[in-house]
Amino acid sequence: MLLKEFFQNANWIAIGVAALSYFVLGAVWFSALFQKAWMAGHNLQAPTDEMKLQMKKHMPVMMVQTLVMNIVMAIVVAMLVMAMGSVRCVAGIKLGLALSAVGCVPLVMSHMYTMKSIKLWMVDAAYHTVGITLMSIIISVWHK
């Protein structure tokens, strides 16, 4: 598969939705679902008023950067989906889980060497596993 062929035939709407779904998942995951466990795992305290002001300054840039990274990941997932001919949900799940292993093993290794808790490993690795698998499913099943 040539890059030119990919860029001409990619389902850009599916790629965009997949990237956005990973982004929204992160917002829910790290606020409503696992905020306390994630903050505790990184030894972060509840933000003070001063910290909240600083976060307001930096957060928009970080959110845009995160969305751009999600778009890059969705494009790479789409390339692999196209190269492998993945067009069914189960194939998307398998690809997502395989890609998650590639991404999560180094993440967990980093957590291990920085003495992070197993609970934090699980929160972070599960987020990426769910997010990457979700992207793979969306891109696999959404046909032009």
C-alpha atoms as a PDB file:
ATOM      1  CA  MET A   1       0.000   0.000   0.000  1.00  0.00           C
ATOM      2  CA  LEU A   2       1.391   3.327  -1.011  1.00  0.00           C
ATOM      3  CA  LEU A   3       0.905   6.439   1.075  1.00  0.00           C
ATOM      4  CA  LYS A   4      -0.644   8.164  -1.915  1.00  0.00           C
ATOM      5  CA  GLU A   5      -3.247   5.387  -2.166  1.00  0.00           C
ATOM      6  CA  PHE A   6      -3.986   5.635   1.545  1.00  0.00           C
ATOM      7  CA  PHE A   7      -4.442   9.404   1.515  1.00  0.00           C
ATOM      8  CA  GLN A   8      -6.720   9.188  -1.537  1.00  0.00           C
ATOM      9  CA  ASN A   9      -8.889   6.388  -0.159  1.00  0.00           C
ATOM     10  CA  ALA A  10      -8.888   6.959   3.597  1.00  0.00           C
ATOM     11  CA  ASN A  11     -12.208   7.421   5.328  1.00  0.00           C
ATOM     12  CA  TRP A  12     -11.372  10.791   6.855  1.00  0.00           C
ATOM     13  CA  ILE A  13     -14.684  11.077   8.660  1.00  0.00           C
ATOM     14  CA  ALA A  14     -14.086   7.746  10.406  1.00  0.00           C
ATOM     15  CA  ILE A  15     -10.536   8.835  11.254  1.00  0.00           C
ATOM     16  CA  GLY A  16     -11.825  12.091  12.728  1.00  0.00           C
ATOM     17  CA  VAL A  17     -14.553  10.372  14.729  1.00  0.00           C
ATOM     18  CA  ALA A  18     -12.076   7.759  15.979  1.00  0.00           C
ATOM     19  CA  ALA A  19      -9.630  10.459  17.113  1.00  0.00           C
ATOM     20  CA  LEU A  20     -12.403  12.432  18.771  1.00  0.00           C
ATOM     21  CA  SER A  21     -13.725   9.303  20.520  1.00  0.00           C
ATOM     22  CA  TYR A  22     -10.302   8.659  22.069  1.00  0.00           C
ATOM     23  CA  PHE A  23     -10.157  12.304  23.157  1.00  0.00           C
ATOM     24  CA  VAL A  24     -13.620  12.173  24.781  1.00  0.00           C
ATOM     25  CA  LEU A  25     -12.797   8.838  26.399  1.00  0.00           C
ATOM     26  CA  GLY A  26      -9.757  10.489  28.017  1.00  0.00           C
ATOM     27  CA  ALA A  27     -11.866  13.323  29.373  1.00  0.00           C
ATOM     28  CA  VAL A  28     -14.324  10.897  30.951  1.00  0.00           C
ATOM     29  CA  TRP A  29     -11.671   8.381  32.041  1.00  0.00           C
ATOM     30  CA  PHE A  30      -9.455  10.863  33.876  1.00  0.00           C
ATOM     31  CA  SER A  31     -12.236  12.945  35.394  1.00  0.00           C
ATOM     32  CA  ALA A  32     -15.407  10.991  36.147  1.00  0.00           C
ATOM     33  CA  LEU A  33     -14.081   7.429  36.243  1.00  0.00           C
ATOM     34  CA  PHE A  34     -10.512   7.341  37.571  1.00  0.00           C
ATOM     35  CA  GLN A  35      -9.533  10.874  38.594  1.00  0.00           C
ATOM     36  CA  LYS A  36      -8.845  10.036  42.248  1.00  0.00           C
ATOM     37  CA  ALA A  37      -6.911   6.844  41.514  1.00  0.00           C
ATOM     38  CA  TRP A  38      -4.892   8.527  38.755  1.00  0.00           C
ATOM     39  CA  MET A  39      -4.036  11.564  40.877  1.00  0.00           C
ATOM     40  CA  ALA A  40      -3.104   9.379  43.846  1.00  0.00           C
ATOM     41  CA  GLY A  41      -0.938   7.183  41.621  1.00  0.00           C
ATOM     42  CA  HIS A  42       1.007  10.227  40.472  1.00  0.00           C
ATOM     43  CA  ASN A  43       1.087  11.744  43.986  1.00  0.00           C
ATOM     44  CA  LEU A  44      -0.896  14.757  42.825  1.00  0.00           C
ATOM     45  CA  GLN A  45      -2.913  16.823  45.279  1.00  0.00           C
ATOM     46  CA  ALA A  46      -6.217  18.507  44.569  1.00  0.00           C
ATOM     47  CA  PRO A  47      -5.379  21.766  42.784  1.00  0.00           C
ATOM     48  CA  THR A  48      -5.345  24.997  44.744  1.00  0.00           C
ATOM     49  CA  ASP A  49      -6.977  28.142  43.380  1.00  0.00           C
ATOM     50  CA  GLU A  50      -3.585  29.328  42.116  1.00  0.00           C
ATOM     51  CA  MET A  51      -2.959  25.995  40.405  1.00  0.00           C
ATOM     52  CA  LYS A  52      -6.400  26.166  38.789  1.00  0.00           C
ATOM     53  CA  LEU A  53      -5.502  29.553  37.309  1.00  0.00           C
ATOM     54  CA  GLN A  54      -2.278  28.105  35.892  1.00  0.00           C
ATOM     55  CA  MET A  55      -4.183  25.125  34.509  1.00  0.00           C
ATOM     56  CA  LYS A  56      -6.635  27.443  32.749  1.00  0.00           C
ATOM     57  CA  LYS A  57      -3.692  29.020  30.945  1.00  0.00           C
ATOM     58  CA  HIS A  58      -2.046  25.754  29.897  1.00  0.00           C
ATOM     59  CA  MET A  59      -4.996  23.407  29.502  1.00  0.00           C
ATOM     60  CA  PRO A  60      -6.264  24.664  26.098  1.00  0.00           C
ATOM     61  CA  VAL A  61      -2.841  24.117  24.529  1.00  0.00           C
ATOM     62  CA  MET A  62      -2.534  20.660  26.082  1.00  0.00           C
ATOM     63  CA  MET A  63      -6.004  19.721  24.872  1.00  0.00           C
ATOM     64  CA  VAL A  64      -5.169  20.768  21.298  1.00  0.00           C
ATOM     65  CA  GLN A  65      -1.877  18.857  21.484  1.00  0.00           C
ATOM     66  CA  THR A  66      -3.711  15.788  22.768  1.00  0.00           C
ATOM     67  CA  LEU A  67      -6.273  15.982  19.969  1.00  0.00           C
ATOM     68  CA  VAL A  68      -3.507  16.324  17.351  1.00  0.00           C
ATOM     69  CA  MET A  69      -1.761  13.251  18.792  1.00  0.00           C
ATOM     70  CA  ASN A  70      -5.051  11.352  18.709  1.00  0.00           C
ATOM     71  CA  ILE A  71      -5.467  12.302  15.040  1.00  0.00           C
ATOM     72  CA  VAL A  72      -1.952  11.036  14.279  1.00  0.00           C
ATOM     73  CA  MET A  73      -2.737   7.747  16.047  1.00  0.00           C
ATOM     74  CA  ALA A  74      -6.036   7.417  14.179  1.00  0.00           C
ATOM     75  CA  ILE A  75      -4.248   7.934  10.850  1.00  0.00           C
ATOM     76  CA  VAL A  76      -1.718   5.219  11.700  1.00  0.00           C
ATOM     77  CA  VAL A  77      -4.510   2.881  12.820  1.00  0.00           C
ATOM     78  CA  ALA A  78      -6.346   3.607   9.558  1.00  0.00           C
ATOM     79  CA  MET A  79      -3.208   2.773   7.555  1.00  0.00           C
ATOM     80  CA  LEU A  80      -2.954  -0.571   9.325  1.00  0.00           C
ATOM     81  CA  VAL A  81      -6.688  -1.235   8.928  1.00  0.00           C
ATOM     82  CA  MET A  82      -6.388  -0.600   5.195  1.00  0.00           C
ATOM     83  CA  ALA A  83      -3.176  -2.633   4.821  1.00  0.00           C
ATOM     84  CA  MET A  84      -4.667  -5.593   6.696  1.00  0.00           C
ATOM     85  CA  GLY A  85      -8.095  -5.378   5.084  1.00  0.00           C
ATOM     86  CA  SER A  86      -9.800  -5.114   8.459  1.00  0.00           C
ATOM     87  CA  VAL A  87     -13.506  -4.526   7.787  1.00  0.00           C
ATOM     88  CA  ARG A  88     -15.242  -6.239  10.697  1.00  0.00           C
ATOM     89  CA  CYS A  89     -15.633  -5.458  14.374  1.00  0.00           C
ATOM     90  CA  VAL A  90     -13.731  -8.547  15.547  1.00  0.00           C
ATOM     91  CA  ALA A  91     -10.796  -7.702  13.279  1.00  0.00           C
ATOM     92  CA  GLY A  92     -10.840  -4.164  14.687  1.00  0.00           C
ATOM     93  CA  ILE A  93     -10.799  -5.528  18.233  1.00  0.00           C
ATOM     94  CA  LYS A  94      -7.855  -7.819  17.455  1.00  0.00           C
ATOM     95  CA  LEU A  95      -5.892  -5.027  15.805  1.00  0.00           C
ATOM     96  CA  GLY A  96      -6.696  -2.635  18.656  1.00  0.00           C
ATOM     97  CA  LEU A  97      -5.549  -5.132  21.275  1.00  0.00           C
ATOM     98  CA  ALA A  98      -2.326  -5.869  19.361  1.00  0.00           C
ATOM     99  CA  LEU A  99      -1.546  -2.161  18.989  1.00  0.00           C
ATOM    100  CA  SER A 100      -2.388  -1.623  22.644  1.00  0.00           C
ATOM    101  CA  ALA A 101       0.183  -4.211  23.663  1.00  0.00           C
ATOM    102  CA  VAL A 102       2.805  -2.360  21.629  1.00  0.00           C
ATOM    103  CA  GLY A 103       1.866   0.911  23.325  1.00  0.00           C
ATOM    104  CA  CYS A 104       1.114  -0.253  26.843  1.00  0.00           C
ATOM    105  CA  VAL A 105       4.130  -2.462  27.504  1.00  0.00           C
ATOM    106  CA  PRO A 106       6.580   0.491  27.289  1.00  0.00           C
ATOM    107  CA  LEU A 107       4.177   2.605  29.364  1.00  0.00           C
ATOM    108  CA  VAL A 108       4.069  -0.021  32.109  1.00  0.00           C
ATOM    109  CA  MET A 109       7.850  -0.418  31.918  1.00  0.00           C
ATOM    110  CA  SER A 110       8.206   3.325  32.537  1.00  0.00           C
ATOM    111  CA  HIS A 111       5.783   3.126  35.446  1.00  0.00           C
ATOM    112  CA  MET A 112       7.736   0.187  36.856  1.00  0.00           C
ATOM    113  CA  TYR A 113      11.037   2.073  36.848  1.00  0.00           C
ATOM    114  CA  THR A 114       9.481   5.200  38.326  1.00  0.00           C
ATOM    115  CA  MET A 115       7.996   3.080  41.111  1.00  0.00           C
ATOM    116  CA  LYS A 116       4.365   3.748  40.205  1.00  0.00           C
ATOM    117  CA  SER A 117       1.681   1.524  41.685  1.00  0.00           C
ATOM    118  CA  ILE A 118       0.130  -1.421  39.894  1.00  0.00           C
ATOM    119  CA  LYS A 119      -3.206   0.366  40.253  1.00  0.00           C
ATOM    120  CA  LEU A 120      -1.832   3.280  38.222  1.00  0.00           C
ATOM    121  CA  TRP A 121      -0.429   0.887  35.623  1.00  0.00           C
ATOM    122  CA  MET A 122      -3.908  -0.533  35.228  1.00  0.00           C
ATOM    123  CA  VAL A 123      -5.641   2.856  34.978  1.00  0.00           C
ATOM    124  CA  ASP A 124      -3.224   4.159  32.340  1.00  0.00           C
ATOM    125  CA  ALA A 125      -2.833   0.938  30.350  1.00  0.00           C
ATOM    126  CA  ALA A 126      -6.566   0.227  30.365  1.00  0.00           C
ATOM    127  CA  TYR A 127      -7.301   3.742  29.077  1.00  0.00           C
ATOM    128  CA  HIS A 128      -4.983   3.300  26.122  1.00  0.00           C
ATOM    129  CA  THR A 129      -6.187  -0.240  25.472  1.00  0.00           C
ATOM    130  CA  VAL A 130      -9.826   0.842  25.411  1.00  0.00           C
ATOM    131  CA  GLY A 131      -9.039   3.980  23.383  1.00  0.00           C
ATOM    132  CA  ILE A 132      -6.889   2.318  20.729  1.00  0.00           C
ATOM    133  CA  THR A 133      -9.300  -0.605  20.422  1.00  0.00           C
ATOM    134  CA  LEU A 134     -12.231   1.790  20.090  1.00  0.00           C
ATOM    135  CA  MET A 135     -10.407   3.649  17.307  1.00  0.00           C
ATOM    136  CA  SER A 136      -9.599   0.380  15.543  1.00  0.00           C
ATOM    137  CA  ILE A 137     -13.221  -0.749  15.700  1.00  0.00           C
ATOM    138  CA  ILE A 138     -14.587   2.563  14.399  1.00  0.00           C
ATOM    139  CA  ILE A 139     -12.157   2.694  11.494  1.00  0.00           C
ATOM    140  CA  SER A 140     -12.609  -1.008  10.662  1.00  0.00           C
ATOM    141  CA  VAL A 141     -16.404  -1.015  10.524  1.00  0.00           C
ATOM    142  CA  TRP A 142     -17.064   2.447   9.093  1.00  0.00           C
ATOM    143  CA  HIS A 143     -16.999   2.040   5.339  1.00  0.00           C
ATOM    144  CA  LYS A 144     -17.291   4.871   2.846  1.00  0.00           C
END
